[in-house]
Amino acid sequence: MRILILSSLLLLTTTYKANAGWVSSGGQVETLTLYSHNQILVKLKNNNGASVASFSNKEYFIVPASYAAESRNRMYSTLLAAKISMQEITLSYNDVGNCDAWGSSPNVYRKIVRITF
């Protein structure tokens, strides 16, 4: 019985880890667009990132309105500093889920989960 339970837990843990992971894309910030409903769109120069089936928009990344204001502000200031200094950054996003739809439009963007210089 003990072996069965341990095997089941191991199988669940392994399955969970295999389903999602971070994908990273690097480059200079080409455009940084702010919207009044607290969404920030980001496009990198010469790098649209990995193609992920659940995202209809392959050009832009998003800092969604659902993030806490402090998190959005930190991400925005980091992105703005990178754009002004023309320094390359790396944006990380999940390869499964973690999408942000744009209202009723067909655009679904990749949510940025980490920014690094």
Protein backbone atom coordinates (compact mmCIF):
# COMPACT_ATOMS: atom_id res chain seq x y z
CA MET A 1 0.00 0.00 0.00
CA ARG A 2 2.81 2.35 0.92
CA ILE A 3 4.56 1.74 -2.41
CA LEU A 4 1.34 2.41 -4.30
CA ILE A 5 0.87 5.77 -2.58
CA LEU A 6 4.49 6.81 -3.15
CA SER A 7 4.32 5.75 -6.79
CA SER A 8 1.12 7.74 -7.28
CA LEU A 9 2.65 10.86 -5.74
CA LEU A 10 5.77 10.51 -7.86
CA LEU A 11 3.67 10.12 -11.00
CA LEU A 12 1.55 13.20 -10.18
CA THR A 13 4.62 15.31 -9.42
CA THR A 14 6.38 14.23 -12.62
CA THR A 15 3.26 14.88 -14.72
CA TYR A 16 2.79 18.34 -13.23
CA LYS A 17 6.39 19.37 -13.91
CA ALA A 18 6.20 18.18 -17.50
CA ASN A 19 3.15 20.29 -18.36
CA ALA A 20 4.47 23.81 -17.89
CA GLY A 21 7.70 25.71 -17.95
CA TRP A 22 9.16 29.08 -18.62
CA VAL A 23 10.20 30.16 -22.07
CA SER A 24 12.54 33.13 -22.36
CA SER A 25 13.02 35.62 -25.19
CA GLY A 26 15.65 38.30 -25.29
CA GLY A 27 16.32 41.51 -27.15
CA GLN A 28 15.95 45.27 -27.01
CA VAL A 29 12.57 46.79 -26.28
CA GLU A 30 11.17 48.05 -29.58
CA THR A 31 7.81 49.33 -28.37
CA LEU A 32 6.27 49.86 -24.97
CA THR A 33 2.58 50.73 -25.03
CA LEU A 34 0.51 51.69 -21.98
CA TYR A 35 -3.27 51.49 -21.89
CA SER A 36 -5.66 53.26 -19.53
CA HIS A 37 -7.00 49.94 -18.24
CA ASN A 38 -3.55 49.17 -16.76
CA GLN A 39 -2.26 46.82 -19.44
CA ILE A 40 1.24 47.25 -20.86
CA LEU A 41 2.21 45.76 -24.23
CA VAL A 42 5.86 45.08 -25.03
CA LYS A 43 7.51 44.18 -28.33
CA LEU A 44 11.14 43.13 -28.62
CA LYS A 45 13.31 44.03 -31.63
CA ASN A 46 13.98 41.09 -33.93
CA ASN A 47 12.56 38.59 -31.45
CA ASN A 48 8.93 37.62 -31.17
CA GLY A 49 9.64 34.72 -28.83
CA ALA A 50 8.75 31.09 -29.08
CA SER A 51 5.52 30.15 -30.77
CA VAL A 52 3.02 28.92 -28.19
CA ALA A 53 -0.23 27.51 -29.54
CA SER A 54 -2.55 29.16 -27.00
CA PHE A 55 -1.36 32.72 -27.82
CA SER A 56 -2.93 34.24 -30.92
CA ASN A 57 -0.66 37.29 -30.90
CA LYS A 58 2.93 36.28 -31.61
CA GLU A 59 4.42 39.80 -31.66
CA TYR A 60 3.68 41.24 -28.23
CA PHE A 61 4.08 40.33 -24.58
CA ILE A 62 1.87 41.79 -21.86
CA VAL A 63 2.04 42.99 -18.29
CA PRO A 64 -1.63 42.37 -17.45
CA ALA A 65 -3.96 44.52 -15.40
CA SER A 66 -4.51 41.56 -13.09
CA TYR A 67 -1.02 41.95 -11.58
CA ALA A 68 -0.78 44.01 -8.40
CA ALA A 69 -0.12 47.71 -9.01
CA GLU A 70 3.31 47.49 -7.37
CA SER A 71 4.33 44.58 -9.63
CA ARG A 72 3.08 46.36 -12.75
CA ASN A 73 4.94 49.54 -11.75
CA ARG A 74 8.21 47.67 -11.16
CA MET A 75 7.90 45.84 -14.48
CA TYR A 76 7.06 49.06 -16.31
CA SER A 77 10.00 50.95 -14.82
CA THR A 78 12.35 48.08 -15.70
CA LEU A 79 11.04 47.94 -19.27
CA LEU A 80 11.24 51.72 -19.62
CA ALA A 81 14.84 51.79 -18.33
CA ALA A 82 15.76 49.03 -20.80
CA LYS A 83 14.12 50.91 -23.68
CA ILE A 84 15.81 54.22 -22.87
CA SER A 85 19.25 52.63 -22.37
CA MET A 86 18.76 50.31 -25.38
CA GLN A 87 19.97 47.45 -23.22
CA GLU A 88 18.92 43.91 -24.03
CA ILE A 89 16.57 42.21 -21.62
CA THR A 90 15.06 38.77 -21.27
CA LEU A 91 11.31 38.28 -20.90
CA SER A 92 10.09 35.00 -19.47
CA TYR A 93 6.60 33.59 -19.88
CA ASN A 94 4.91 30.22 -19.47
CA ASP A 95 4.71 27.85 -22.40
CA VAL A 96 1.28 26.60 -21.30
CA GLY A 97 -1.65 28.81 -20.29
CA ASN A 98 -0.92 32.10 -18.54
CA CYS A 99 -2.60 34.02 -21.35
CA ASP A 100 -4.19 37.45 -21.21
CA ALA A 101 -7.06 38.13 -23.59
CA TRP A 102 -7.60 41.61 -24.96
CA GLY A 103 -11.27 42.29 -24.25
CA SER A 104 -13.46 40.84 -26.97
CA SER A 105 -10.74 40.96 -29.64
CA PRO A 106 -9.12 37.74 -30.86
CA ASN A 107 -5.73 38.82 -29.49
CA VAL A 108 -4.34 36.71 -26.66
CA TYR A 109 -0.95 37.77 -25.31
CA ARG A 110 1.86 36.05 -23.39
CA LYS A 111 1.95 37.28 -19.78
CA ILE A 112 5.42 38.31 -18.66
CA VAL A 113 6.33 36.50 -15.46
CA ARG A 114 9.96 37.64 -15.17
CA ILE A 115 12.24 40.34 -16.60
CA THR A 116 16.02 40.11 -16.40
CA PHE A 117 18.91 42.18 -17.70
